[in-house]
N, C-alpha and C. Protein backbone atom coordinates (compact mmCIF):
# COMPACT_ATOMS: atom_id res chain seq x y z
N UNK A 1 -22.96 -32.25 50.85
CA UNK A 1 -21.59 -31.76 51.00
C UNK A 1 -21.57 -30.24 50.97
N UNK A 2 -20.55 -29.68 51.63
CA UNK A 2 -20.41 -28.23 51.71
C UNK A 2 -18.96 -27.86 51.46
N UNK A 3 -18.74 -26.87 50.60
CA UNK A 3 -17.39 -26.41 50.27
C UNK A 3 -17.22 -24.97 50.71
N UNK A 4 -16.27 -24.74 51.60
CA UNK A 4 -15.91 -23.38 51.97
C UNK A 4 -14.95 -22.84 50.91
N UNK A 5 -15.35 -21.72 50.30
CA UNK A 5 -14.63 -21.23 49.14
C UNK A 5 -14.82 -19.72 49.02
N UNK A 6 -13.89 -19.07 48.35
CA UNK A 6 -14.04 -17.68 47.94
C UNK A 6 -13.76 -17.61 46.44
N UNK A 7 -14.46 -16.73 45.72
CA UNK A 7 -14.30 -16.69 44.26
C UNK A 7 -12.88 -16.46 43.77
N UNK A 8 -12.12 -15.62 44.48
CA UNK A 8 -10.77 -15.27 44.02
C UNK A 8 -9.70 -16.24 44.50
N UNK A 9 -10.02 -17.08 45.46
CA UNK A 9 -9.03 -18.02 45.99
C UNK A 9 -8.65 -19.05 44.92
N UNK A 10 -7.38 -19.07 44.47
CA UNK A 10 -7.01 -20.03 43.42
C UNK A 10 -7.19 -21.48 43.83
N UNK A 11 -6.88 -21.79 45.08
CA UNK A 11 -7.00 -23.18 45.51
C UNK A 11 -8.46 -23.60 45.65
N UNK A 12 -9.32 -22.67 46.06
CA UNK A 12 -10.75 -22.96 46.08
C UNK A 12 -11.29 -23.10 44.66
N UNK A 13 -10.77 -22.29 43.75
CA UNK A 13 -11.23 -22.32 42.36
C UNK A 13 -10.93 -23.65 41.70
N UNK A 14 -9.82 -24.27 42.06
CA UNK A 14 -9.50 -25.61 41.55
C UNK A 14 -10.62 -26.58 41.89
N UNK A 15 -11.06 -26.54 43.13
CA UNK A 15 -12.09 -27.48 43.58
C UNK A 15 -13.43 -27.17 42.93
N UNK A 16 -13.74 -25.90 42.71
CA UNK A 16 -14.98 -25.57 42.02
C UNK A 16 -14.97 -26.08 40.58
N UNK A 17 -13.82 -26.02 39.92
CA UNK A 17 -13.70 -26.59 38.57
C UNK A 17 -14.12 -28.06 38.58
N UNK A 18 -13.61 -28.79 39.54
CA UNK A 18 -13.89 -30.23 39.64
C UNK A 18 -15.37 -30.46 39.95
N UNK A 19 -15.88 -29.72 40.90
CA UNK A 19 -17.28 -29.89 41.31
C UNK A 19 -18.23 -29.58 40.16
N UNK A 20 -17.96 -28.50 39.42
CA UNK A 20 -18.84 -28.13 38.31
C UNK A 20 -18.78 -29.18 37.20
N UNK A 21 -17.58 -29.66 36.91
CA UNK A 21 -17.43 -30.64 35.83
C UNK A 21 -18.18 -31.93 36.16
N UNK A 22 -18.10 -32.34 37.41
CA UNK A 22 -18.75 -33.58 37.82
C UNK A 22 -20.21 -33.38 38.22
N UNK A 23 -20.66 -32.12 38.21
CA UNK A 23 -22.01 -31.78 38.64
C UNK A 23 -22.30 -32.39 40.02
N UNK A 24 -21.31 -32.24 40.89
CA UNK A 24 -21.41 -32.81 42.23
C UNK A 24 -22.36 -31.97 43.09
N UNK A 25 -23.17 -32.64 43.91
CA UNK A 25 -24.12 -31.91 44.77
C UNK A 25 -23.42 -31.28 45.97
N UNK A 26 -22.74 -30.18 45.72
CA UNK A 26 -21.95 -29.51 46.75
C UNK A 26 -22.47 -28.08 46.91
N UNK A 27 -22.76 -27.72 48.15
CA UNK A 27 -23.17 -26.35 48.45
C UNK A 27 -21.92 -25.53 48.72
N UNK A 28 -21.78 -24.41 48.01
CA UNK A 28 -20.61 -23.56 48.17
C UNK A 28 -20.95 -22.41 49.12
N UNK A 29 -20.16 -22.30 50.17
CA UNK A 29 -20.39 -21.25 51.17
C UNK A 29 -19.08 -20.50 51.41
N UNK A 30 -19.21 -19.28 51.87
CA UNK A 30 -18.03 -18.45 52.14
C UNK A 30 -17.59 -18.62 53.59
N UNK A 31 -16.29 -18.57 53.85
CA UNK A 31 -15.83 -18.52 55.24
C UNK A 31 -16.15 -17.15 55.82
N UNK A 32 -15.92 -16.93 57.10
CA UNK A 32 -16.17 -15.61 57.67
C UNK A 32 -15.40 -14.53 56.91
N UNK A 33 -15.98 -13.35 56.72
CA UNK A 33 -15.28 -12.30 55.98
C UNK A 33 -14.04 -11.81 56.71
N UNK A 34 -13.11 -11.32 55.92
CA UNK A 34 -11.88 -10.79 56.50
C UNK A 34 -10.66 -11.38 55.83
N UNK A 35 -9.58 -10.61 55.82
CA UNK A 35 -8.32 -11.08 55.26
C UNK A 35 -7.19 -10.65 56.19
N UNK A 36 -6.51 -11.61 56.83
CA UNK A 36 -6.71 -13.05 56.71
C UNK A 36 -8.05 -13.51 57.30
N UNK A 37 -8.40 -14.75 57.00
CA UNK A 37 -9.64 -15.31 57.53
C UNK A 37 -9.60 -15.26 59.06
N UNK A 38 -10.66 -14.82 59.71
CA UNK A 38 -10.66 -14.71 61.17
C UNK A 38 -10.32 -16.03 61.87
N UNK A 39 -9.72 -15.89 63.04
CA UNK A 39 -9.25 -17.05 63.80
C UNK A 39 -10.38 -18.03 64.14
N UNK A 40 -11.59 -17.54 64.23
CA UNK A 40 -12.71 -18.43 64.57
C UNK A 40 -12.87 -19.57 63.56
N UNK A 41 -12.34 -19.37 62.34
CA UNK A 41 -12.49 -20.40 61.30
C UNK A 41 -11.62 -21.61 61.59
N UNK A 42 -10.67 -21.48 62.52
CA UNK A 42 -9.83 -22.64 62.88
C UNK A 42 -10.65 -23.77 63.48
N UNK A 43 -11.82 -23.47 63.98
CA UNK A 43 -12.69 -24.53 64.49
C UNK A 43 -13.11 -25.47 63.37
N UNK A 44 -13.06 -24.98 62.13
CA UNK A 44 -13.40 -25.80 60.96
C UNK A 44 -12.14 -26.23 60.23
N UNK A 45 -11.22 -25.28 60.03
CA UNK A 45 -9.98 -25.55 59.30
C UNK A 45 -8.79 -25.29 60.22
N UNK A 46 -8.09 -26.33 60.66
CA UNK A 46 -7.00 -26.12 61.62
C UNK A 46 -5.89 -25.21 61.10
N UNK A 47 -5.71 -25.14 59.77
CA UNK A 47 -4.69 -24.26 59.19
C UNK A 47 -5.27 -22.89 58.83
N UNK A 48 -6.56 -22.71 59.11
CA UNK A 48 -7.25 -21.44 58.90
C UNK A 48 -7.16 -20.96 57.45
N UNK A 49 -7.35 -21.89 56.53
CA UNK A 49 -7.35 -21.52 55.12
C UNK A 49 -8.36 -22.36 54.35
N UNK A 50 -8.67 -21.90 53.16
CA UNK A 50 -9.61 -22.58 52.29
C UNK A 50 -8.86 -23.11 51.07
N UNK A 51 -9.47 -24.13 50.41
CA UNK A 51 -10.82 -24.68 50.56
C UNK A 51 -10.91 -25.70 51.69
N UNK A 52 -12.14 -25.90 52.14
CA UNK A 52 -12.46 -26.95 53.09
C UNK A 52 -13.74 -27.62 52.60
N UNK A 53 -13.73 -28.94 52.56
CA UNK A 53 -14.91 -29.71 52.16
C UNK A 53 -15.45 -30.45 53.36
N UNK A 54 -16.75 -30.29 53.61
CA UNK A 54 -17.44 -31.07 54.64
C UNK A 54 -18.27 -32.11 53.91
N UNK A 55 -17.97 -33.38 54.12
CA UNK A 55 -18.67 -34.44 53.39
C UNK A 55 -20.03 -34.72 54.02
N UNK A 56 -20.81 -35.54 53.32
CA UNK A 56 -22.12 -35.91 53.82
C UNK A 56 -22.07 -36.63 55.14
N UNK A 57 -20.98 -37.34 55.40
CA UNK A 57 -20.82 -38.07 56.66
C UNK A 57 -20.29 -37.19 57.78
N UNK A 58 -19.95 -35.93 57.44
CA UNK A 58 -19.42 -35.01 58.45
C UNK A 58 -17.91 -34.93 58.49
N UNK A 59 -17.22 -35.67 57.62
CA UNK A 59 -15.76 -35.60 57.57
C UNK A 59 -15.32 -34.25 57.02
N UNK A 60 -14.35 -33.63 57.70
CA UNK A 60 -13.77 -32.38 57.22
C UNK A 60 -12.51 -32.70 56.43
N UNK A 61 -12.50 -32.34 55.15
CA UNK A 61 -11.36 -32.60 54.27
C UNK A 61 -10.70 -31.26 53.96
N UNK A 62 -9.42 -31.15 54.27
CA UNK A 62 -8.69 -29.90 54.03
C UNK A 62 -7.60 -30.12 52.99
N UNK A 63 -7.13 -29.01 52.41
CA UNK A 63 -6.08 -28.95 51.40
C UNK A 63 -6.62 -29.34 50.03
N UNK A 64 -6.36 -28.47 49.05
CA UNK A 64 -6.93 -28.63 47.71
C UNK A 64 -6.55 -29.96 47.07
N UNK A 65 -5.30 -30.38 47.22
CA UNK A 65 -4.86 -31.63 46.60
C UNK A 65 -5.65 -32.81 47.12
N UNK A 66 -5.86 -32.84 48.42
CA UNK A 66 -6.60 -33.95 49.04
C UNK A 66 -8.07 -33.90 48.65
N UNK A 67 -8.64 -32.70 48.64
CA UNK A 67 -10.06 -32.56 48.26
C UNK A 67 -10.25 -32.99 46.81
N UNK A 68 -9.32 -32.60 45.95
CA UNK A 68 -9.42 -32.99 44.54
C UNK A 68 -9.41 -34.51 44.38
N UNK A 69 -8.51 -35.17 45.10
CA UNK A 69 -8.44 -36.63 45.03
C UNK A 69 -9.71 -37.27 45.58
N UNK A 70 -10.22 -36.70 46.67
CA UNK A 70 -11.45 -37.24 47.27
C UNK A 70 -12.61 -37.14 46.29
N UNK A 71 -12.77 -35.98 45.66
CA UNK A 71 -13.88 -35.81 44.72
C UNK A 71 -13.75 -36.73 43.51
N UNK A 72 -12.52 -36.93 43.04
CA UNK A 72 -12.32 -37.82 41.89
C UNK A 72 -12.69 -39.26 42.25
N UNK A 73 -12.41 -39.65 43.47
CA UNK A 73 -12.75 -41.01 43.90
C UNK A 73 -14.23 -41.14 44.25
N UNK A 74 -14.79 -40.11 44.87
CA UNK A 74 -16.18 -40.18 45.32
C UNK A 74 -17.15 -40.01 44.16
N UNK A 75 -16.76 -39.22 43.17
CA UNK A 75 -17.58 -39.01 41.97
C UNK A 75 -16.75 -39.42 40.75
N UNK A 76 -16.62 -40.71 40.51
CA UNK A 76 -15.70 -41.17 39.46
C UNK A 76 -16.14 -40.83 38.03
N UNK A 77 -17.39 -40.48 37.85
CA UNK A 77 -17.87 -40.12 36.51
C UNK A 77 -18.39 -38.68 36.49
N UNK A 78 -18.03 -37.95 35.47
CA UNK A 78 -17.02 -38.25 34.45
C UNK A 78 -15.61 -38.15 35.05
N UNK A 79 -14.70 -38.99 34.60
CA UNK A 79 -13.37 -39.03 35.20
C UNK A 79 -12.53 -37.82 34.83
N UNK A 80 -11.66 -37.44 35.74
CA UNK A 80 -10.70 -36.37 35.47
C UNK A 80 -9.27 -36.89 35.46
N UNK A 81 -9.12 -38.20 35.62
CA UNK A 81 -7.82 -38.83 35.45
C UNK A 81 -7.91 -39.81 34.29
N UNK A 82 -6.97 -39.76 33.36
CA UNK A 82 -7.02 -40.66 32.20
C UNK A 82 -6.86 -42.12 32.60
N UNK A 83 -7.29 -43.01 31.72
CA UNK A 83 -7.16 -44.45 31.99
C UNK A 83 -5.72 -44.91 31.89
N UNK A 84 -4.95 -44.29 31.01
CA UNK A 84 -3.57 -44.69 30.77
C UNK A 84 -2.65 -44.17 31.88
N UNK A 85 -1.79 -45.03 32.41
CA UNK A 85 -0.93 -44.65 33.54
C UNK A 85 0.06 -43.56 33.16
N UNK A 86 0.55 -43.57 31.93
CA UNK A 86 1.47 -42.52 31.48
C UNK A 86 0.77 -41.18 31.48
N UNK A 87 -0.43 -41.15 30.95
CA UNK A 87 -1.19 -39.89 30.90
C UNK A 87 -1.55 -39.42 32.31
N UNK A 88 -1.87 -40.35 33.20
CA UNK A 88 -2.17 -39.96 34.59
C UNK A 88 -0.96 -39.30 35.23
N UNK A 89 0.23 -39.85 34.94
CA UNK A 89 1.45 -39.27 35.49
C UNK A 89 1.66 -37.84 34.99
N UNK A 90 1.39 -37.60 33.70
CA UNK A 90 1.55 -36.26 33.14
C UNK A 90 0.57 -35.29 33.78
N UNK A 91 -0.68 -35.74 33.95
CA UNK A 91 -1.69 -34.90 34.59
C UNK A 91 -1.24 -34.52 36.00
N UNK A 92 -0.76 -35.48 36.74
CA UNK A 92 -0.34 -35.22 38.12
C UNK A 92 0.89 -34.31 38.16
N UNK A 93 1.81 -34.48 37.22
CA UNK A 93 2.99 -33.60 37.18
C UNK A 93 2.59 -32.17 36.85
N UNK A 94 1.65 -31.99 35.92
CA UNK A 94 1.17 -30.65 35.60
C UNK A 94 0.51 -30.01 36.82
N UNK A 95 -0.29 -30.79 37.52
CA UNK A 95 -0.97 -30.26 38.71
C UNK A 95 0.03 -29.86 39.79
N UNK A 96 1.03 -30.70 40.01
CA UNK A 96 2.02 -30.40 41.06
C UNK A 96 2.88 -29.20 40.66
N UNK A 97 3.23 -29.12 39.39
CA UNK A 97 4.02 -27.97 38.94
C UNK A 97 3.23 -26.68 39.13
N UNK A 98 1.94 -26.73 38.79
CA UNK A 98 1.10 -25.54 38.98
C UNK A 98 1.02 -25.16 40.44
N UNK A 99 0.85 -26.16 41.31
CA UNK A 99 0.69 -25.88 42.74
C UNK A 99 1.98 -25.39 43.39
N UNK A 100 3.05 -26.15 43.21
CA UNK A 100 4.27 -25.91 43.99
C UNK A 100 5.24 -24.94 43.33
N UNK A 101 5.27 -24.92 42.01
CA UNK A 101 6.30 -24.15 41.32
C UNK A 101 5.77 -22.89 40.64
N UNK A 102 4.45 -22.72 40.58
CA UNK A 102 3.90 -21.50 40.00
C UNK A 102 3.02 -20.77 41.02
N UNK A 103 1.97 -21.42 41.50
CA UNK A 103 1.09 -20.74 42.45
C UNK A 103 1.82 -20.37 43.74
N UNK A 104 2.58 -21.31 44.30
CA UNK A 104 3.24 -21.04 45.59
C UNK A 104 4.18 -19.83 45.51
N UNK A 105 5.12 -19.79 44.56
CA UNK A 105 5.99 -18.60 44.51
C UNK A 105 5.23 -17.32 44.15
N UNK A 106 4.19 -17.44 43.31
CA UNK A 106 3.42 -16.25 42.94
C UNK A 106 2.72 -15.65 44.14
N UNK A 107 2.09 -16.50 44.96
CA UNK A 107 1.38 -16.00 46.13
C UNK A 107 2.35 -15.35 47.12
N UNK A 108 3.54 -15.92 47.27
CA UNK A 108 4.53 -15.30 48.16
C UNK A 108 5.04 -13.99 47.58
N UNK A 109 5.24 -13.95 46.28
CA UNK A 109 5.71 -12.72 45.64
C UNK A 109 4.69 -11.60 45.79
N UNK A 110 3.42 -11.93 45.72
CA UNK A 110 2.39 -10.91 45.87
C UNK A 110 2.47 -10.22 47.24
N UNK A 111 2.96 -10.95 48.23
CA UNK A 111 3.16 -10.35 49.55
C UNK A 111 4.48 -9.56 49.61
N UNK A 112 5.55 -10.18 49.11
CA UNK A 112 6.87 -9.56 49.24
C UNK A 112 7.03 -8.29 48.42
N UNK A 113 6.41 -8.25 47.25
CA UNK A 113 6.60 -7.11 46.35
C UNK A 113 6.02 -5.81 46.90
N UNK A 114 5.11 -5.93 47.87
CA UNK A 114 4.46 -4.73 48.38
C UNK A 114 4.87 -4.40 49.80
N UNK A 115 5.91 -5.07 50.28
CA UNK A 115 6.47 -4.70 51.58
C UNK A 115 7.38 -3.49 51.42
N UNK A 116 7.39 -2.64 52.42
CA UNK A 116 8.24 -1.44 52.37
C UNK A 116 9.71 -1.83 52.30
N UNK A 117 10.08 -2.82 53.10
CA UNK A 117 11.46 -3.31 53.09
C UNK A 117 11.49 -4.61 52.29
N UNK A 118 12.02 -4.58 51.08
CA UNK A 118 11.96 -5.72 50.18
C UNK A 118 13.18 -6.63 50.35
N UNK A 119 12.91 -7.92 50.39
CA UNK A 119 13.98 -8.93 50.41
C UNK A 119 14.30 -9.27 48.96
N UNK A 120 15.21 -8.51 48.37
CA UNK A 120 15.48 -8.65 46.93
C UNK A 120 16.03 -10.04 46.58
N UNK A 121 16.82 -10.61 47.47
CA UNK A 121 17.38 -11.94 47.21
C UNK A 121 16.26 -12.99 47.15
N UNK A 122 15.33 -12.89 48.10
CA UNK A 122 14.22 -13.84 48.12
C UNK A 122 13.32 -13.63 46.90
N UNK A 123 13.06 -12.38 46.55
CA UNK A 123 12.22 -12.08 45.39
C UNK A 123 12.85 -12.65 44.12
N UNK A 124 14.14 -12.47 43.96
CA UNK A 124 14.85 -12.99 42.79
C UNK A 124 14.76 -14.51 42.72
N UNK A 125 14.92 -15.14 43.87
CA UNK A 125 14.86 -16.61 43.93
C UNK A 125 13.47 -17.11 43.56
N UNK A 126 12.44 -16.42 44.03
CA UNK A 126 11.07 -16.84 43.74
C UNK A 126 10.72 -16.65 42.27
N UNK A 127 11.20 -15.56 41.67
CA UNK A 127 10.96 -15.37 40.23
C UNK A 127 11.65 -16.47 39.42
N UNK A 128 12.83 -16.87 39.84
CA UNK A 128 13.53 -17.96 39.16
C UNK A 128 12.73 -19.26 39.28
N UNK A 129 12.23 -19.53 40.48
CA UNK A 129 11.41 -20.72 40.69
C UNK A 129 10.16 -20.67 39.80
N UNK A 130 9.54 -19.51 39.74
CA UNK A 130 8.34 -19.34 38.93
C UNK A 130 8.65 -19.59 37.45
N UNK A 131 9.74 -19.07 36.97
CA UNK A 131 10.10 -19.25 35.56
C UNK A 131 10.37 -20.72 35.24
N UNK A 132 11.01 -21.42 36.16
CA UNK A 132 11.26 -22.86 35.96
C UNK A 132 9.93 -23.62 35.93
N UNK A 133 9.02 -23.25 36.84
CA UNK A 133 7.72 -23.90 36.88
C UNK A 133 6.92 -23.66 35.61
N UNK A 134 6.92 -22.42 35.13
CA UNK A 134 6.21 -22.11 33.89
C UNK A 134 6.80 -22.86 32.70
N UNK A 135 8.13 -22.97 32.66
CA UNK A 135 8.78 -23.69 31.57
C UNK A 135 8.40 -25.17 31.60
N UNK A 136 8.33 -25.75 32.79
CA UNK A 136 7.95 -27.16 32.91
C UNK A 136 6.52 -27.38 32.41
N UNK A 137 5.61 -26.50 32.81
CA UNK A 137 4.22 -26.62 32.34
C UNK A 137 4.17 -26.45 30.82
N UNK A 138 4.89 -25.46 30.30
CA UNK A 138 4.92 -25.22 28.85
C UNK A 138 5.37 -26.48 28.10
N UNK A 139 6.37 -27.16 28.63
CA UNK A 139 6.90 -28.35 27.97
C UNK A 139 5.97 -29.55 28.06
N UNK A 140 5.13 -29.58 29.09
CA UNK A 140 4.24 -30.73 29.29
C UNK A 140 2.88 -30.58 28.61
N UNK A 141 2.50 -29.35 28.28
CA UNK A 141 1.18 -29.13 27.72
C UNK A 141 1.02 -29.82 26.37
N UNK A 142 -0.19 -30.39 26.16
CA UNK A 142 -0.50 -30.99 24.87
C UNK A 142 -0.95 -29.95 23.87
N UNK A 143 -1.44 -30.41 22.73
CA UNK A 143 -1.82 -29.50 21.66
C UNK A 143 -3.32 -29.47 21.40
N UNK A 144 -4.10 -30.14 22.23
CA UNK A 144 -5.54 -30.14 22.05
C UNK A 144 -6.20 -28.98 22.77
N UNK A 145 -7.51 -29.03 22.90
CA UNK A 145 -8.23 -27.95 23.60
C UNK A 145 -8.01 -27.96 25.10
N UNK A 146 -7.50 -29.07 25.63
CA UNK A 146 -7.23 -29.17 27.06
C UNK A 146 -5.75 -29.45 27.32
N UNK A 147 -5.37 -29.47 28.56
CA UNK A 147 -3.96 -29.58 28.92
C UNK A 147 -3.31 -30.82 28.33
N UNK A 148 -4.05 -31.93 28.35
CA UNK A 148 -3.48 -33.19 27.87
C UNK A 148 -3.92 -33.54 26.45
N UNK A 149 -4.98 -32.95 25.98
CA UNK A 149 -5.47 -33.30 24.65
C UNK A 149 -6.92 -32.94 24.46
N UNK A 150 -7.74 -33.97 24.23
CA UNK A 150 -9.14 -33.75 23.85
C UNK A 150 -10.11 -33.77 25.02
N UNK A 151 -9.68 -34.21 26.18
CA UNK A 151 -10.58 -34.33 27.33
C UNK A 151 -10.06 -33.53 28.51
N UNK A 152 -10.98 -32.95 29.26
CA UNK A 152 -10.61 -32.24 30.47
C UNK A 152 -10.07 -33.22 31.51
N UNK A 153 -9.04 -32.79 32.23
CA UNK A 153 -8.46 -33.60 33.31
C UNK A 153 -8.25 -32.72 34.54
N UNK A 154 -7.75 -33.33 35.60
CA UNK A 154 -7.42 -32.57 36.80
C UNK A 154 -6.41 -31.47 36.51
N UNK A 155 -5.56 -31.68 35.51
CA UNK A 155 -4.58 -30.66 35.16
C UNK A 155 -5.26 -29.35 34.77
N UNK A 156 -6.37 -29.44 34.06
CA UNK A 156 -7.09 -28.23 33.65
C UNK A 156 -7.70 -27.51 34.85
N UNK A 157 -8.14 -28.29 35.84
CA UNK A 157 -8.68 -27.68 37.06
C UNK A 157 -7.60 -26.88 37.78
N UNK A 158 -6.37 -27.38 37.78
CA UNK A 158 -5.27 -26.66 38.43
C UNK A 158 -4.78 -25.49 37.58
N UNK A 159 -4.76 -25.68 36.27
CA UNK A 159 -4.19 -24.65 35.41
C UNK A 159 -5.11 -23.46 35.20
N UNK A 160 -6.42 -23.65 35.34
CA UNK A 160 -7.35 -22.53 35.12
C UNK A 160 -7.10 -21.38 36.10
N UNK A 161 -7.15 -21.60 37.40
CA UNK A 161 -6.85 -20.48 38.31
C UNK A 161 -5.39 -20.04 38.25
N UNK A 162 -4.49 -20.98 37.95
CA UNK A 162 -3.07 -20.61 37.83
C UNK A 162 -2.88 -19.61 36.70
N UNK A 163 -3.51 -19.89 35.56
CA UNK A 163 -3.40 -18.97 34.42
C UNK A 163 -4.10 -17.64 34.74
N UNK A 164 -5.24 -17.69 35.43
CA UNK A 164 -5.94 -16.45 35.77
C UNK A 164 -5.06 -15.55 36.62
N UNK A 165 -4.44 -16.10 37.63
CA UNK A 165 -3.64 -15.30 38.57
C UNK A 165 -2.51 -14.56 37.86
N UNK A 166 -2.02 -15.14 36.75
CA UNK A 166 -0.92 -14.50 36.04
C UNK A 166 -1.30 -13.14 35.46
N UNK A 167 -2.57 -12.92 35.16
CA UNK A 167 -2.96 -11.62 34.56
C UNK A 167 -2.77 -10.46 35.54
N UNK A 168 -3.40 -10.50 36.72
CA UNK A 168 -3.14 -9.39 37.65
C UNK A 168 -1.72 -9.39 38.19
N UNK A 169 -1.11 -10.59 38.32
CA UNK A 169 0.23 -10.65 38.89
C UNK A 169 1.25 -9.94 38.01
N UNK A 170 1.22 -10.17 36.71
CA UNK A 170 2.24 -9.54 35.86
C UNK A 170 2.05 -8.03 35.78
N UNK A 171 0.82 -7.56 36.00
CA UNK A 171 0.60 -6.12 36.08
C UNK A 171 1.18 -5.55 37.38
N UNK A 172 0.83 -6.20 38.49
CA UNK A 172 1.29 -5.73 39.78
C UNK A 172 2.80 -5.82 39.92
N UNK A 173 3.39 -6.85 39.30
CA UNK A 173 4.84 -7.04 39.38
C UNK A 173 5.58 -6.22 38.33
N UNK A 174 4.83 -5.49 37.49
CA UNK A 174 5.42 -4.70 36.40
C UNK A 174 6.26 -5.57 35.47
N UNK A 175 5.73 -6.75 35.16
CA UNK A 175 6.39 -7.65 34.22
C UNK A 175 5.38 -8.07 33.15
N UNK A 176 5.01 -7.14 32.28
CA UNK A 176 3.97 -7.44 31.29
C UNK A 176 4.34 -8.57 30.33
N UNK A 177 5.64 -8.79 30.13
CA UNK A 177 6.09 -9.83 29.20
C UNK A 177 6.43 -11.14 29.90
N UNK A 178 5.95 -11.30 31.11
CA UNK A 178 6.30 -12.49 31.90
C UNK A 178 6.00 -13.79 31.17
N UNK A 179 4.87 -13.85 30.45
CA UNK A 179 4.45 -15.10 29.81
C UNK A 179 4.93 -15.24 28.37
N UNK A 180 5.67 -14.25 27.87
CA UNK A 180 6.11 -14.31 26.47
C UNK A 180 6.90 -15.58 26.13
N UNK A 181 7.75 -16.08 27.04
CA UNK A 181 8.48 -17.32 26.70
C UNK A 181 7.62 -18.58 26.77
N UNK A 182 6.36 -18.44 27.18
CA UNK A 182 5.51 -19.61 27.40
C UNK A 182 4.20 -19.46 26.62
N UNK A 183 4.25 -19.47 25.30
CA UNK A 183 3.07 -19.16 24.49
C UNK A 183 1.91 -20.13 24.67
N UNK A 184 2.21 -21.41 24.88
CA UNK A 184 1.10 -22.37 25.05
C UNK A 184 0.40 -22.15 26.39
N UNK A 185 1.17 -21.88 27.42
CA UNK A 185 0.56 -21.56 28.71
C UNK A 185 -0.23 -20.26 28.61
N UNK A 186 0.34 -19.26 27.95
CA UNK A 186 -0.34 -17.98 27.78
C UNK A 186 -1.67 -18.18 27.05
N UNK A 187 -1.68 -19.02 26.03
CA UNK A 187 -2.87 -19.24 25.20
C UNK A 187 -3.97 -20.02 25.92
N UNK A 188 -3.67 -20.55 27.09
CA UNK A 188 -4.71 -21.27 27.85
C UNK A 188 -5.92 -20.39 28.11
N UNK A 189 -5.70 -19.09 28.30
CA UNK A 189 -6.81 -18.20 28.60
C UNK A 189 -7.91 -18.30 27.54
N UNK A 190 -7.52 -18.28 26.27
CA UNK A 190 -8.52 -18.33 25.21
C UNK A 190 -9.28 -19.65 25.19
N UNK A 191 -8.62 -20.72 25.54
CA UNK A 191 -9.30 -22.02 25.61
C UNK A 191 -10.24 -22.08 26.81
N UNK A 192 -9.78 -21.53 27.92
CA UNK A 192 -10.56 -21.58 29.16
C UNK A 192 -11.87 -20.81 29.01
N UNK A 193 -11.79 -19.60 28.47
CA UNK A 193 -13.00 -18.76 28.41
C UNK A 193 -14.02 -19.28 27.40
N UNK A 194 -13.62 -20.23 26.57
CA UNK A 194 -14.55 -20.84 25.62
C UNK A 194 -15.14 -22.15 26.14
N UNK A 195 -14.64 -22.62 27.27
CA UNK A 195 -15.10 -23.90 27.81
C UNK A 195 -16.27 -23.64 28.77
N UNK A 196 -17.35 -24.42 28.66
CA UNK A 196 -18.53 -24.15 29.48
C UNK A 196 -18.32 -24.33 30.98
N UNK A 197 -17.39 -25.18 31.37
CA UNK A 197 -17.12 -25.40 32.80
C UNK A 197 -16.02 -24.48 33.30
N UNK A 198 -14.89 -24.50 32.63
CA UNK A 198 -13.75 -23.71 33.10
C UNK A 198 -14.04 -22.22 33.07
N UNK A 199 -14.84 -21.78 32.10
CA UNK A 199 -15.16 -20.35 32.02
C UNK A 199 -15.99 -19.90 33.21
N UNK A 200 -16.81 -20.80 33.78
CA UNK A 200 -17.58 -20.43 34.97
C UNK A 200 -16.65 -20.00 36.09
N UNK A 201 -15.60 -20.78 36.30
CA UNK A 201 -14.65 -20.47 37.37
C UNK A 201 -13.83 -19.24 37.01
N UNK A 202 -13.43 -19.14 35.76
CA UNK A 202 -12.64 -17.97 35.32
C UNK A 202 -13.39 -16.68 35.63
N UNK A 203 -14.67 -16.62 35.26
CA UNK A 203 -15.43 -15.38 35.45
C UNK A 203 -15.85 -15.17 36.90
N UNK A 204 -15.94 -16.24 37.67
CA UNK A 204 -16.11 -16.06 39.11
C UNK A 204 -14.88 -15.36 39.69
N UNK A 205 -13.70 -15.75 39.20
CA UNK A 205 -12.47 -15.11 39.67
C UNK A 205 -12.39 -13.66 39.20
N UNK A 206 -12.86 -13.40 37.98
CA UNK A 206 -12.92 -12.01 37.49
C UNK A 206 -13.76 -11.16 38.44
N UNK A 207 -14.94 -11.67 38.79
CA UNK A 207 -15.82 -10.93 39.70
C UNK A 207 -15.18 -10.77 41.07
N UNK A 208 -14.53 -11.84 41.54
CA UNK A 208 -13.86 -11.77 42.84
C UNK A 208 -12.75 -10.74 42.85
N UNK A 209 -12.02 -10.63 41.74
CA UNK A 209 -10.94 -9.65 41.65
C UNK A 209 -11.50 -8.23 41.67
N UNK A 210 -12.62 -8.01 40.98
CA UNK A 210 -13.24 -6.68 40.98
C UNK A 210 -13.64 -6.27 42.40
N UNK A 211 -14.22 -7.22 43.13
CA UNK A 211 -14.64 -6.94 44.51
C UNK A 211 -13.41 -6.64 45.38
N UNK A 212 -12.36 -7.44 45.21
CA UNK A 212 -11.13 -7.25 45.99
C UNK A 212 -10.51 -5.90 45.72
N UNK A 213 -10.41 -5.52 44.45
CA UNK A 213 -9.81 -4.23 44.11
C UNK A 213 -10.68 -3.07 44.62
N UNK A 214 -12.00 -3.25 44.58
CA UNK A 214 -12.89 -2.22 45.12
C UNK A 214 -12.71 -2.05 46.61
N UNK A 215 -12.51 -3.17 47.32
CA UNK A 215 -12.28 -3.09 48.76
C UNK A 215 -10.96 -2.40 49.08
N UNK A 216 -9.95 -2.63 48.23
CA UNK A 216 -8.65 -1.97 48.44
C UNK A 216 -8.78 -0.45 48.29
N UNK A 217 -9.59 -0.04 47.32
CA UNK A 217 -9.76 1.40 47.07
C UNK A 217 -10.45 2.10 48.21
N UNK A 218 -11.35 1.38 48.88
CA UNK A 218 -12.11 2.01 49.96
C UNK A 218 -11.47 1.79 51.33
N UNK A 219 -10.41 0.98 51.37
CA UNK A 219 -9.78 0.69 52.67
C UNK A 219 -9.03 1.90 53.21
């Protein structure tokens, strides 16, 4: 198997969390350099974005949610979905909240905040969406070392890059107290950096951010 990924890509980082936890035999490769990804990559990814998984049979699997489900089914051990249906529902709700209500508005805000002509109404709406998403995650988080309790789940794979992105985002958005109302979500960083799997992805993103900022300085 082959995974097209970049260290700083939050959606790619989700899949690396899963692959590392399951010790899946996946080769990680970079797409062609450039931002946005060059059009030639559409031959592999019709939406021209990562992550993309190429399976052993040659099937191209796109979109992080689908790739995550595929890996959980193809490599069922160790599991990342709990046996209990209630707990599985909570894991899936945390993952969807991270994807749709936190990562999605954050990524759009990172573009809008640096445009010369700012759409203040849209920016305000996205911050409201982000705050609702963070509140939902805060309310759903358990009290153990992981999102749901004592065992890592798919929720942790989604929350690790989501929590990472909040560090540079709140600086760039000049909102240093953004996470103050969400102490359990904020505290995820300390749990992540102590975990042998999640910390791998966290520090890959740290390195990716350093490279990205260096490229901005020289651009």
